[in-house]
PDB file of N, CA and C in Angstrom:
ATOM      1  N   UNK A   1     -84.716 -47.968 -19.731  1.00  0.00           N
ATOM      2  CA  UNK A   1     -83.530 -48.284 -20.422  1.00  0.00           C
ATOM      3  C   UNK A   1     -83.455 -47.448 -21.703  1.00  0.00           C
ATOM      4  N   UNK A   2     -84.545 -47.147 -22.288  1.00  0.00           N
ATOM      5  CA  UNK A   2     -84.538 -46.325 -23.474  1.00  0.00           C
ATOM      6  C   UNK A   2     -84.015 -44.925 -23.141  1.00  0.00           C
ATOM      7  N   UNK A   3     -84.331 -44.481 -21.950  1.00  0.00           N
ATOM      8  CA  UNK A   3     -83.866 -43.153 -21.551  1.00  0.00           C
ATOM      9  C   UNK A   3     -82.344 -43.132 -21.354  1.00  0.00           C
ATOM     10  N   UNK A   4     -81.810 -44.184 -20.882  1.00  0.00           N
ATOM     11  CA  UNK A   4     -80.390 -44.246 -20.625  1.00  0.00           C
ATOM     12  C   UNK A   4     -79.612 -44.204 -21.940  1.00  0.00           C
ATOM     13  N   UNK A   5     -80.067 -44.901 -22.926  1.00  0.00           N
ATOM     14  CA  UNK A   5     -79.378 -44.923 -24.205  1.00  0.00           C
ATOM     15  C   UNK A   5     -79.511 -43.557 -24.857  1.00  0.00           C
ATOM     16  N   UNK A   6     -80.674 -42.957 -24.731  1.00  0.00           N
ATOM     17  CA  UNK A   6     -80.900 -41.656 -25.330  1.00  0.00           C
ATOM     18  C   UNK A   6     -80.011 -40.590 -24.673  1.00  0.00           C
ATOM     19  N   UNK A   7     -79.939 -40.635 -23.368  1.00  0.00           N
ATOM     20  CA  UNK A   7     -79.114 -39.650 -22.642  1.00  0.00           C
ATOM     21  C   UNK A   7     -77.632 -39.861 -22.967  1.00  0.00           C
ATOM     22  N   UNK A   8     -77.222 -41.109 -23.093  1.00  0.00           N
ATOM     23  CA  UNK A   8     -75.821 -41.402 -23.412  1.00  0.00           C
ATOM     24  C   UNK A   8     -75.473 -40.895 -24.799  1.00  0.00           C
ATOM     25  N   UNK A   9     -76.387 -41.071 -25.745  1.00  0.00           N
ATOM     26  CA  UNK A   9     -76.118 -40.629 -27.103  1.00  0.00           C
ATOM     27  C   UNK A   9     -76.059 -39.117 -27.166  1.00  0.00           C
ATOM     28  N   UNK A  10     -76.973 -38.467 -26.432  1.00  0.00           N
ATOM     29  CA  UNK A  10     -76.983 -37.010 -26.406  1.00  0.00           C
ATOM     30  C   UNK A  10     -75.707 -36.451 -25.758  1.00  0.00           C
ATOM     31  N   UNK A  11     -75.319 -37.073 -24.698  1.00  0.00           N
ATOM     32  CA  UNK A  11     -74.112 -36.640 -23.991  1.00  0.00           C
ATOM     33  C   UNK A  11     -72.872 -36.838 -24.869  1.00  0.00           C
ATOM     34  N   UNK A  12     -72.776 -37.917 -25.594  1.00  0.00           N
ATOM     35  CA  UNK A  12     -71.631 -38.171 -26.465  1.00  0.00           C
ATOM     36  C   UNK A  12     -71.594 -37.164 -27.597  1.00  0.00           C
ATOM     37  N   UNK A  13     -72.754 -36.792 -28.130  1.00  0.00           N
ATOM     38  CA  UNK A  13     -72.811 -35.831 -29.218  1.00  0.00           C
ATOM     39  C   UNK A  13     -72.361 -34.458 -28.749  1.00  0.00           C
ATOM     40  N   UNK A  14     -72.864 -34.078 -27.596  1.00  0.00           N
ATOM     41  CA  UNK A  14     -72.477 -32.764 -27.057  1.00  0.00           C
ATOM     42  C   UNK A  14     -70.996 -32.704 -26.709  1.00  0.00           C
ATOM     43  N   UNK A  15     -70.466 -33.783 -26.163  1.00  0.00           N
ATOM     44  CA  UNK A  15     -69.051 -33.756 -25.773  1.00  0.00           C
ATOM     45  C   UNK A  15     -68.135 -33.711 -26.990  1.00  0.00           C
ATOM     46  N   UNK A  16     -68.555 -34.355 -28.075  1.00  0.00           N
ATOM     47  CA  UNK A  16     -67.724 -34.334 -29.272  1.00  0.00           C
ATOM     48  C   UNK A  16     -67.786 -32.983 -29.963  1.00  0.00           C
ATOM     49  N   UNK A  17     -68.945 -32.325 -29.946  1.00  0.00           N
ATOM     50  CA  UNK A  17     -69.041 -31.026 -30.580  1.00  0.00           C
ATOM     51  C   UNK A  17     -68.414 -29.934 -29.722  1.00  0.00           C
ATOM     52  N   UNK A  18     -68.322 -30.171 -28.447  1.00  0.00           N
ATOM     53  CA  UNK A  18     -67.738 -29.164 -27.552  1.00  0.00           C
ATOM     54  C   UNK A  18     -66.210 -29.176 -27.610  1.00  0.00           C
ATOM     55  N   UNK A  19     -65.629 -30.216 -28.139  1.00  0.00           N
ATOM     56  CA  UNK A  19     -64.164 -30.279 -28.228  1.00  0.00           C
ATOM     57  C   UNK A  19     -63.682 -29.258 -29.246  1.00  0.00           C
ATOM     58  N   UNK A  20     -62.718 -28.517 -28.834  1.00  0.00           N
ATOM     59  CA  UNK A  20     -62.151 -27.511 -29.720  1.00  0.00           C
ATOM     60  C   UNK A  20     -60.794 -28.017 -30.164  1.00  0.00           C
ATOM     61  N   UNK A  21     -60.693 -28.231 -31.425  1.00  0.00           N
ATOM     62  CA  UNK A  21     -59.418 -28.692 -31.954  1.00  0.00           C
ATOM     63  C   UNK A  21     -58.453 -27.510 -31.932  1.00  0.00           C
ATOM     64  N   UNK A  22     -57.212 -27.725 -31.480  1.00  0.00           N
ATOM     65  CA  UNK A  22     -56.266 -26.619 -31.446  1.00  0.00           C
ATOM     66  C   UNK A  22     -55.929 -26.157 -32.857  1.00  0.00           C
ATOM     67  N   UNK A  23     -55.848 -24.856 -33.002  1.00  0.00           N
ATOM     68  CA  UNK A  23     -55.513 -24.265 -34.283  1.00  0.00           C
ATOM     69  C   UNK A  23     -54.000 -24.157 -34.386  1.00  0.00           C
ATOM     70  N   UNK A  24     -53.460 -24.594 -35.475  1.00  0.00           N
ATOM     71  CA  UNK A  24     -52.014 -24.526 -35.677  1.00  0.00           C
ATOM     72  C   UNK A  24     -51.686 -23.130 -36.182  1.00  0.00           C
ATOM     73  N   UNK A  25     -50.835 -22.447 -35.440  1.00  0.00           N
ATOM     74  CA  UNK A  25     -50.436 -21.098 -35.820  1.00  0.00           C
ATOM     75  C   UNK A  25     -48.986 -21.151 -36.279  1.00  0.00           C
ATOM     76  N   UNK A  26     -48.743 -20.715 -37.465  1.00  0.00           N
ATOM     77  CA  UNK A  26     -47.371 -20.669 -37.977  1.00  0.00           C
ATOM     78  C   UNK A  26     -46.763 -19.318 -37.586  1.00  0.00           C
ATOM     79  N   UNK A  27     -45.765 -19.366 -36.720  1.00  0.00           N
ATOM     80  CA  UNK A  27     -45.084 -18.161 -36.279  1.00  0.00           C
ATOM     81  C   UNK A  27     -44.008 -17.829 -37.299  1.00  0.00           C
ATOM     82  N   UNK A  28     -44.046 -16.612 -37.814  1.00  0.00           N
ATOM     83  CA  UNK A  28     -43.013 -16.284 -38.804  1.00  0.00           C
ATOM     84  C   UNK A  28     -41.643 -16.240 -38.146  1.00  0.00           C
ATOM     85  N   UNK A  29     -40.638 -16.600 -38.884  1.00  0.00           N
ATOM     86  CA  UNK A  29     -39.260 -16.601 -38.363  1.00  0.00           C
ATOM     87  C   UNK A  29     -38.830 -15.168 -38.071  1.00  0.00           C
ATOM     88  N   UNK A  30     -38.017 -15.014 -37.037  1.00  0.00           N
ATOM     89  CA  UNK A  30     -37.517 -13.698 -36.660  1.00  0.00           C
ATOM     90  C   UNK A  30     -36.562 -13.214 -37.740  1.00  0.00           C
ATOM     91  N   UNK A  31     -36.817 -12.012 -38.260  1.00  0.00           N
ATOM     92  CA  UNK A  31     -35.922 -11.543 -39.322  1.00  0.00           C
ATOM     93  C   UNK A  31     -34.542 -11.234 -38.760  1.00  0.00           C
ATOM     94  N   UNK A  32     -33.536 -11.614 -39.501  1.00  0.00           N
ATOM     95  CA  UNK A  32     -32.156 -11.385 -39.098  1.00  0.00           C
ATOM     96  C   UNK A  32     -31.645 -10.182 -39.879  1.00  0.00           C
ATOM     97  N   UNK A  33     -31.114  -9.191 -39.138  1.00  0.00           N
ATOM     98  CA  UNK A  33     -30.604  -7.994 -39.797  1.00  0.00           C
ATOM     99  C   UNK A  33     -29.255  -8.293 -40.412  1.00  0.00           C
ATOM    100  N   UNK A  34     -29.145  -8.039 -41.670  1.00  0.00           N
ATOM    101  CA  UNK A  34     -27.886  -8.250 -42.372  1.00  0.00           C
ATOM    102  C   UNK A  34     -27.293  -6.869 -42.597  1.00  0.00           C
ATOM    103  N   UNK A  35     -26.076  -6.627 -42.087  1.00  0.00           N
ATOM    104  CA  UNK A  35     -25.507  -5.294 -42.246  1.00  0.00           C
ATOM    105  C   UNK A  35     -25.167  -5.011 -43.700  1.00  0.00           C
ATOM    106  N   UNK A  36     -25.461  -3.788 -44.066  1.00  0.00           N
ATOM    107  CA  UNK A  36     -25.151  -3.359 -45.423  1.00  0.00           C
ATOM    108  C   UNK A  36     -23.797  -2.681 -45.448  1.00  0.00           C
ATOM    109  N   UNK A  37     -23.463  -2.050 -46.526  1.00  0.00           N
ATOM    110  CA  UNK A  37     -22.166  -1.370 -46.592  1.00  0.00           C
ATOM    111  C   UNK A  37     -22.160  -0.172 -45.645  1.00  0.00           C
ATOM    112  N   UNK A  38     -21.009   0.129 -45.074  1.00  0.00           N
ATOM    113  CA  UNK A  38     -20.927   1.229 -44.116  1.00  0.00           C
ATOM    114  C   UNK A  38     -20.977   2.556 -44.855  1.00  0.00           C
ATOM    115  N   UNK A  39     -21.539   3.544 -44.167  1.00  0.00           N
ATOM    116  CA  UNK A  39     -21.680   4.862 -44.735  1.00  0.00           C
ATOM    117  C   UNK A  39     -20.427   5.695 -44.530  1.00  0.00           C
ATOM    118  N   UNK A  40     -20.459   6.947 -44.946  1.00  0.00           N
ATOM    119  CA  UNK A  40     -19.283   7.809 -44.783  1.00  0.00           C
ATOM    120  C   UNK A  40     -19.077   8.153 -43.309  1.00  0.00           C
ATOM    121  N   UNK A  41     -17.835   8.484 -42.947  1.00  0.00           N
ATOM    122  CA  UNK A  41     -17.519   8.807 -41.555  1.00  0.00           C
ATOM    123  C   UNK A  41     -18.132  10.150 -41.201  1.00  0.00           C
ATOM    124  N   UNK A  42     -18.633  10.232 -39.962  1.00  0.00           N
ATOM    125  CA  UNK A  42     -19.239  11.471 -39.496  1.00  0.00           C
ATOM    126  C   UNK A  42     -18.195  12.512 -39.155  1.00  0.00           C
ATOM    127  N   UNK A  43     -18.672  13.725 -38.908  1.00  0.00           N
ATOM    128  CA  UNK A  43     -17.767  14.820 -38.563  1.00  0.00           C
ATOM    129  C   UNK A  43     -17.193  14.620 -37.166  1.00  0.00           C
ATOM    130  N   UNK A  44     -16.024  15.233 -36.926  1.00  0.00           N
ATOM    131  CA  UNK A  44     -15.387  15.149 -35.617  1.00  0.00           C
ATOM    132  C   UNK A  44     -16.209  15.944 -34.617  1.00  0.00           C
ATOM    133  N   UNK A  45     -16.353  15.404 -33.415  1.00  0.00           N
ATOM    134  CA  UNK A  45     -17.124  16.088 -32.376  1.00  0.00           C
ATOM    135  C   UNK A  45     -16.398  17.310 -31.852  1.00  0.00           C
ATOM    136  N   UNK A  46     -17.138  18.178 -31.179  1.00  0.00           N
ATOM    137  CA  UNK A  46     -16.531  19.405 -30.655  1.00  0.00           C
ATOM    138  C   UNK A  46     -15.746  19.111 -29.382  1.00  0.00           C
ATOM    139  N   UNK A  47     -14.843  20.028 -29.025  1.00  0.00           N
ATOM    140  CA  UNK A  47     -13.997  19.891 -27.836  1.00  0.00           C
ATOM    141  C   UNK A  47     -14.859  19.996 -26.591  1.00  0.00           C
ATOM    142  N   UNK A  48     -14.612  19.147 -25.634  1.00  0.00           N
ATOM    143  CA  UNK A  48     -15.354  19.196 -24.375  1.00  0.00           C
ATOM    144  C   UNK A  48     -14.922  20.388 -23.540  1.00  0.00           C
ATOM    145  N   UNK A  49     -15.766  20.770 -22.590  1.00  0.00           N
ATOM    146  CA  UNK A  49     -15.470  21.915 -21.724  1.00  0.00           C
ATOM    147  C   UNK A  49     -14.332  21.569 -20.768  1.00  0.00           C
ATOM    148  N   UNK A  50     -13.536  22.584 -20.399  1.00  0.00           N
ATOM    149  CA  UNK A  50     -12.434  22.382 -19.462  1.00  0.00           C
ATOM    150  C   UNK A  50     -13.008  22.162 -18.065  1.00  0.00           C
ATOM    151  N   UNK A  51     -12.435  21.245 -17.327  1.00  0.00           N
ATOM    152  CA  UNK A  51     -12.917  20.950 -15.972  1.00  0.00           C
ATOM    153  C   UNK A  51     -12.542  22.048 -14.998  1.00  0.00           C
ATOM    154  N   UNK A  52     -13.187  22.051 -13.853  1.00  0.00           N
ATOM    155  CA  UNK A  52     -12.921  23.063 -12.827  1.00  0.00           C
ATOM    156  C   UNK A  52     -11.655  22.725 -12.058  1.00  0.00           C
ATOM    157  N   UNK A  53     -10.990  23.780 -11.555  1.00  0.00           N
ATOM    158  CA  UNK A  53      -9.787  23.610 -10.742  1.00  0.00           C
ATOM    159  C   UNK A  53     -10.220  23.130  -9.359  1.00  0.00           C
ATOM    160  N   UNK A  54      -9.572  22.138  -8.848  1.00  0.00           N
ATOM    161  CA  UNK A  54      -9.895  21.638  -7.507  1.00  0.00           C
ATOM    162  C   UNK A  54      -9.441  22.619  -6.442  1.00  0.00           C
ATOM    163  N   UNK A  55     -10.031  22.532  -5.265  1.00  0.00           N
ATOM    164  CA  UNK A  55      -9.656  23.435  -4.173  1.00  0.00           C
ATOM    165  C   UNK A  55      -8.338  22.983  -3.566  1.00  0.00           C
ATOM    166  N   UNK A  56      -7.592  23.955  -3.015  1.00  0.00           N
ATOM    167  CA  UNK A  56      -6.292  23.658  -2.419  1.00  0.00           C
ATOM    168  C   UNK A  56      -6.507  22.975  -1.071  1.00  0.00           C
ATOM    169  N   UNK A  57      -5.639  22.062  -0.750  1.00  0.00           N
ATOM    170  CA  UNK A  57      -5.747  21.339   0.516  1.00  0.00           C
ATOM    171  C   UNK A  57      -5.399  22.222   1.706  1.00  0.00           C
ATOM    172  N   UNK A  58      -5.775  21.788   2.884  1.00  0.00           N
ATOM    173  CA  UNK A  58      -5.553  22.533   4.123  1.00  0.00           C
ATOM    174  C   UNK A  58      -4.166  22.197   4.666  1.00  0.00           C
ATOM    175  N   UNK A  59      -3.499  23.194   5.272  1.00  0.00           N
ATOM    176  CA  UNK A  59      -2.182  22.992   5.882  1.00  0.00           C
ATOM    177  C   UNK A  59      -2.318  22.006   7.043  1.00  0.00           C
ATOM    178  N   UNK A  60      -1.433  21.056   7.114  1.00  0.00           N
ATOM    179  CA  UNK A  60      -1.459  20.083   8.206  1.00  0.00           C
ATOM    180  C   UNK A  60      -0.988  20.716   9.513  1.00  0.00           C
ATOM    181  N   UNK A  61      -1.330  20.093  10.615  1.00  0.00           N
ATOM    182  CA  UNK A  61      -0.944  20.608  11.932  1.00  0.00           C
ATOM    183  C   UNK A  61       0.517  20.281  12.220  1.00  0.00           C
ATOM    184  N   UNK A  62       1.176  21.164  13.016  1.00  0.00           N
ATOM    185  CA  UNK A  62       2.559  20.935  13.411  1.00  0.00           C
ATOM    186  C   UNK A  62       2.591  19.860  14.488  1.00  0.00           C
ATOM    187  N   UNK A  63       3.572  19.017  14.425  1.00  0.00           N
ATOM    188  CA  UNK A  63       3.691  17.944  15.414  1.00  0.00           C
ATOM    189  C   UNK A  63       4.062  18.499  16.788  1.00  0.00           C
ATOM    190  N   UNK A  64       3.806  17.732  17.820  1.00  0.00           N
ATOM    191  CA  UNK A  64       4.095  18.177  19.182  1.00  0.00           C
ATOM    192  C   UNK A  64       5.568  17.933  19.526  1.00  0.00           C
ATOM    193  N   UNK A  65       6.055  18.642  20.567  1.00  0.00           N
ATOM    194  CA  UNK A  65       7.440  18.532  21.030  1.00  0.00           C
ATOM    195  C   UNK A  65       7.653  17.147  21.622  1.00  0.00           C
ATOM    196  N   UNK A  66       8.755  16.549  21.282  1.00  0.00           N
ATOM    197  CA  UNK A  66       9.069  15.229  21.837  1.00  0.00           C
ATOM    198  C   UNK A  66       9.493  15.345  23.302  1.00  0.00           C
ATOM    199  N   UNK A  67       9.428  14.262  24.017  1.00  0.00           N
ATOM    200  CA  UNK A  67       9.795  14.241  25.435  1.00  0.00           C
ATOM    201  C   UNK A  67      11.311  14.377  25.590  1.00  0.00           C
ATOM    202  N   UNK A  68      11.748  15.042  26.688  1.00  0.00           N
ATOM    203  CA  UNK A  68      13.174  15.204  26.971  1.00  0.00           C
ATOM    204  C   UNK A  68      13.732  13.861  27.444  1.00  0.00           C
ATOM    205  N   UNK A  69      14.952  13.575  27.040  1.00  0.00           N
ATOM    206  CA  UNK A  69      15.576  12.316  27.444  1.00  0.00           C
ATOM    207  C   UNK A  69      15.941  12.316  28.926  1.00  0.00           C
ATOM    208  N   UNK A  70      16.189  11.153  29.478  1.00  0.00           N
ATOM    209  CA  UNK A  70      16.539  11.001  30.890  1.00  0.00           C
ATOM    210  C   UNK A  70      18.032  11.248  31.098  1.00  0.00           C
ATOM    211  N   UNK A  71      18.388  11.723  32.301  1.00  0.00           N
ATOM    212  CA  UNK A  71      19.779  11.938  32.685  1.00  0.00           C
ATOM    213  C   UNK A  71      20.443  10.578  32.853  1.00  0.00           C
ATOM    214  N   UNK A  72      21.631  10.450  32.299  1.00  0.00           N
ATOM    215  CA  UNK A  72      22.353   9.185  32.448  1.00  0.00           C
ATOM    216  C   UNK A  72      22.841   8.997  33.880  1.00  0.00           C
ATOM    217  N   UNK A  73      23.138   7.783  34.269  1.00  0.00           N
ATOM    218  CA  UNK A  73      23.612   7.508  35.627  1.00  0.00           C
ATOM    219  C   UNK A  73      25.091   7.857  35.724  1.00  0.00           C
ATOM    220  N   UNK A  74      25.512   8.263  36.905  1.00  0.00           N
ATOM    221  CA  UNK A  74      26.900   8.667  37.121  1.00  0.00           C
ATOM    222  C   UNK A  74      27.770   7.422  37.181  1.00  0.00           C
ATOM    223  N   UNK A  75      28.975   7.562  36.633  1.00  0.00           N
ATOM    224  CA  UNK A  75      29.891   6.422  36.630  1.00  0.00           C
ATOM    225  C   UNK A  75      30.394   6.094  38.039  1.00  0.00           C
ATOM    226  N   UNK A  76      30.937   4.922  38.184  1.00  0.00           N
ATOM    227  CA  UNK A  76      31.447   4.439  39.476  1.00  0.00           C
ATOM    228  C   UNK A  76      32.909   4.854  39.619  1.00  0.00           C
ATOM    229  N   UNK A  77      33.323   5.215  40.838  1.00  0.00           N
ATOM    230  CA  UNK A  77      34.710   5.584  41.131  1.00  0.00           C
ATOM    231  C   UNK A  77      35.593   4.373  40.898  1.00  0.00           C
ATOM    232  N   UNK A  78      36.714   4.598  40.214  1.00  0.00           N
ATOM    233  CA  UNK A  78      37.634   3.492  39.954  1.00  0.00           C
ATOM    234  C   UNK A  78      38.370   3.069  41.231  1.00  0.00           C
ATOM    235  N   UNK A  79      38.919   1.903  41.221  1.00  0.00           N
ATOM    236  CA  UNK A  79      39.652   1.401  42.392  1.00  0.00           C
ATOM    237  C   UNK A  79      41.043   2.035  42.423  1.00  0.00           C
ATOM    238  N   UNK A  80      41.572   2.169  43.624  1.00  0.00           N
ATOM    239  CA  UNK A  80      42.882   2.799  43.793  1.00  0.00           C
ATOM    240  C   UNK A  80      43.960   1.813  43.372  1.00  0.00           C
ATOM    241  N   UNK A  81      45.008   2.337  42.715  1.00  0.00           N
ATOM    242  CA  UNK A  81      46.091   1.475  42.242  1.00  0.00           C
ATOM    243  C   UNK A  81      46.914   0.903  43.413  1.00  0.00           C
ATOM    244  N   UNK A  82      47.694  -0.094  43.099  1.00  0.00           N
ATOM    245  CA  UNK A  82      48.517  -0.778  44.104  1.00  0.00           C
ATOM    246  C   UNK A  82      49.790   0.043  44.330  1.00  0.00           C
ATOM    247  N   UNK A  83      50.218   0.116  45.563  1.00  0.00           N
ATOM    248  CA  UNK A  83      51.439   0.837  45.922  1.00  0.00           C
ATOM    249  C   UNK A  83      52.634   0.101  45.326  1.00  0.00           C
ATOM    250  N   UNK A  84      53.535   0.847  44.664  1.00  0.00           N
ATOM    251  CA  UNK A  84      54.722   0.233  44.068  1.00  0.00           C
ATOM    252  C   UNK A  84      55.731  -0.193  45.148  1.00  0.00           C
ATOM    253  N   UNK A  85      56.620  -1.055  44.755  1.00  0.00           N
ATOM    254  CA  UNK A  85      57.644  -1.515  45.701  1.00  0.00           C
ATOM    255  C   UNK A  85      58.727  -0.451  45.861  1.00  0.00           C
ATOM    256  N   UNK A  86      59.334  -0.430  46.992  1.00  0.00           N
ATOM    257  CA  UNK A  86      60.414   0.520  47.271  1.00  0.00           C
ATOM    258  C   UNK A  86      61.661   0.064  46.522  1.00  0.00           C
ATOM    259  N   UNK A  87      62.354   1.004  45.908  1.00  0.00           N
ATOM    260  CA  UNK A  87      63.547   0.672  45.141  1.00  0.00           C
ATOM    261  C   UNK A  87      64.744   0.350  46.055  1.00  0.00           C
ATOM    262  N   UNK A  88      65.778  -0.225  45.446  1.00  0.00           N
ATOM    263  CA  UNK A  88      66.993  -0.555  46.198  1.00  0.00           C
ATOM    264  C   UNK A  88      67.758   0.734  46.491  1.00  0.00           C
ATOM    265  N   UNK A  89      68.509   0.710  47.507  1.00  0.00           N
ATOM    266  CA  UNK A  89      69.336   1.851  47.875  1.00  0.00           C
ATOM    267  C   UNK A  89      70.463   1.984  46.863  1.00  0.00           C
ATOM    268  N   UNK A  90      70.762   3.246  46.435  1.00  0.00           N
ATOM    269  CA  UNK A  90      71.783   3.490  45.438  1.00  0.00           C
ATOM    270  C   UNK A  90      73.197   3.325  46.011  1.00  0.00           C
ATOM    271  N   UNK A  91      74.171   3.309  45.097  1.00  0.00           N
ATOM    272  CA  UNK A  91      75.569   3.164  45.521  1.00  0.00           C
ATOM    273  C   UNK A  91      76.057   4.504  46.047  1.00  0.00           C
ATOM    274  N   UNK A  92      76.960   4.469  46.836  1.00  0.00           N
ATOM    275  CA  UNK A  92      77.554   5.673  47.389  1.00  0.00           C
ATOM    276  C   UNK A  92      78.498   6.256  46.361  1.00  0.00           C
ATOM    277  N   UNK A  93      78.496   7.608  46.232  1.00  0.00           N
ATOM    278  CA  UNK A  93      79.342   8.275  45.258  1.00  0.00           C
ATOM    279  C   UNK A  93      80.795   8.376  45.728  1.00  0.00           C
ATOM    280  N   UNK A  94      81.717   8.668  44.785  1.00  0.00           N
ATOM    281  CA  UNK A  94      83.139   8.789  45.141  1.00  0.00           C
ATOM    282  C   UNK A  94      83.542  10.249  45.309  1.00  0.00           C
ATOM    283  N   UNK A  95      82.592  11.180  45.339  1.00  0.00           N
ATOM    284  CA  UNK A  95      82.880  12.575  45.586  1.00  0.00           C
ATOM    285  C   UNK A  95      83.057  13.376  44.323  1.00  0.00           C
ATOM    286  N   UNK A  96      82.844  12.846  43.097  1.00  0.00           N
ATOM    287  CA  UNK A  96      82.985  13.590  41.858  1.00  0.00           C
ATOM    288  C   UNK A  96      81.624  14.185  41.498  1.00  0.00           C
ATOM    289  N   UNK A  97      81.648  15.410  41.015  1.00  0.00           N
ATOM    290  CA  UNK A  97      80.420  16.074  40.583  1.00  0.00           C
ATOM    291  C   UNK A  97      80.451  16.167  39.073  1.00  0.00           C
ATOM    292  N   UNK A  98      79.376  15.803  38.396  1.00  0.00           N
ATOM    293  CA  UNK A  98      79.288  15.838  36.933  1.00  0.00           C
ATOM    294  C   UNK A  98      78.327  16.957  36.575  1.00  0.00           C
ATOM    295  N   UNK A  99      78.734  17.881  35.690  1.00  0.00           N
ATOM    296  CA  UNK A  99      77.889  18.990  35.242  1.00  0.00           C
ATOM    297  C   UNK A  99      77.540  18.736  33.775  1.00  0.00           C
ATOM    298  N   UNK A 100      76.248  18.747  33.465  1.00  0.00           N
ATOM    299  CA  UNK A 100      75.774  18.517  32.088  1.00  0.00           C
ATOM    300  C   UNK A 100      75.396  19.862  31.518  1.00  0.00           C
ATOM    301  N   UNK A 101      76.005  20.260  30.389  1.00  0.00           N
ATOM    302  CA  UNK A 101      75.750  21.523  29.749  1.00  0.00           C
ATOM    303  C   UNK A 101      74.692  21.278  28.678  1.00  0.00           C
ATOM    304  N   UNK A 102      73.638  22.121  28.677  1.00  0.00           N
ATOM    305  CA  UNK A 102      72.586  21.914  27.636  1.00  0.00           C
ATOM    306  C   UNK A 102      73.141  22.272  26.253  1.00  0.00           C
ATOM    307  N   UNK A 103      72.624  21.635  25.220  1.00  0.00           N
ATOM    308  CA  UNK A 103      73.068  21.864  23.851  1.00  0.00           C
ATOM    309  C   UNK A 103      72.531  23.199  23.368  1.00  0.00           C
ATOM    310  N   UNK A 104      73.279  23.877  22.483  1.00  0.00           N
ATOM    311  CA  UNK A 104      72.858  25.153  21.964  1.00  0.00           C
ATOM    312  C   UNK A 104      71.661  24.971  21.029  1.00  0.00           C
ATOM    313  N   UNK A 105      70.777  25.981  21.041  1.00  0.00           N
ATOM    314  CA  UNK A 105      69.619  25.915  20.154  1.00  0.00           C
ATOM    315  C   UNK A 105      70.054  26.154  18.740  1.00  0.00           C
ATOM    316  N   UNK A 106      69.574  25.408  17.821  1.00  0.00           N
ATOM    317  CA  UNK A 106      69.957  25.549  16.422  1.00  0.00           C
ATOM    318  C   UNK A 106      69.306  26.789  15.836  1.00  0.00           C
ATOM    319  N   UNK A 107      70.014  27.494  14.943  1.00  0.00           N
ATOM    320  CA  UNK A 107      69.468  28.697  14.304  1.00  0.00           C
ATOM    321  C   UNK A 107      68.382  28.275  13.311  1.00  0.00           C
ATOM    322  N   UNK A 108      67.283  29.040  13.226  1.00  0.00           N
ATOM    323  CA  UNK A 108      66.196  28.668  12.294  1.00  0.00           C
ATOM    324  C   UNK A 108      66.655  28.779  10.856  1.00  0.00           C
ATOM    325  N   UNK A 109      66.212  27.849  10.041  1.00  0.00           N
ATOM    326  CA  UNK A 109      66.577  27.858   8.639  1.00  0.00           C
ATOM    327  C   UNK A 109      65.410  28.414   7.836  1.00  0.00           C
ATOM    328  N   UNK A 110      65.753  29.164   6.803  1.00  0.00           N
ATOM    329  CA  UNK A 110      64.686  29.754   5.972  1.00  0.00           C
ATOM    330  C   UNK A 110      64.427  28.910   4.775  1.00  0.00           C
TER     331      UNK A 110
END
């Protein structure tokens, strides 16, 4: 029993001395940059180089000939008209002949 107490005391002493207390580290605050007064304006930059001319495009192909249209259908023959009625017989003449003289042509006017 004496050994048990001795071993317990030794073990407790070693365990307490083996404990490492954490060290508190104070991290400095991140410095914040405060802008100061602005400086004088810089010189104007130089002109950039002129770009290259692009290549000319290729001529497109000519379209193909369109198809020829179809021949229209022939029209249908019309129907024949109806025969007219025969007229009445005229009156018999009394033997007088009537001569109609054509009118004279009018002279052209200027």
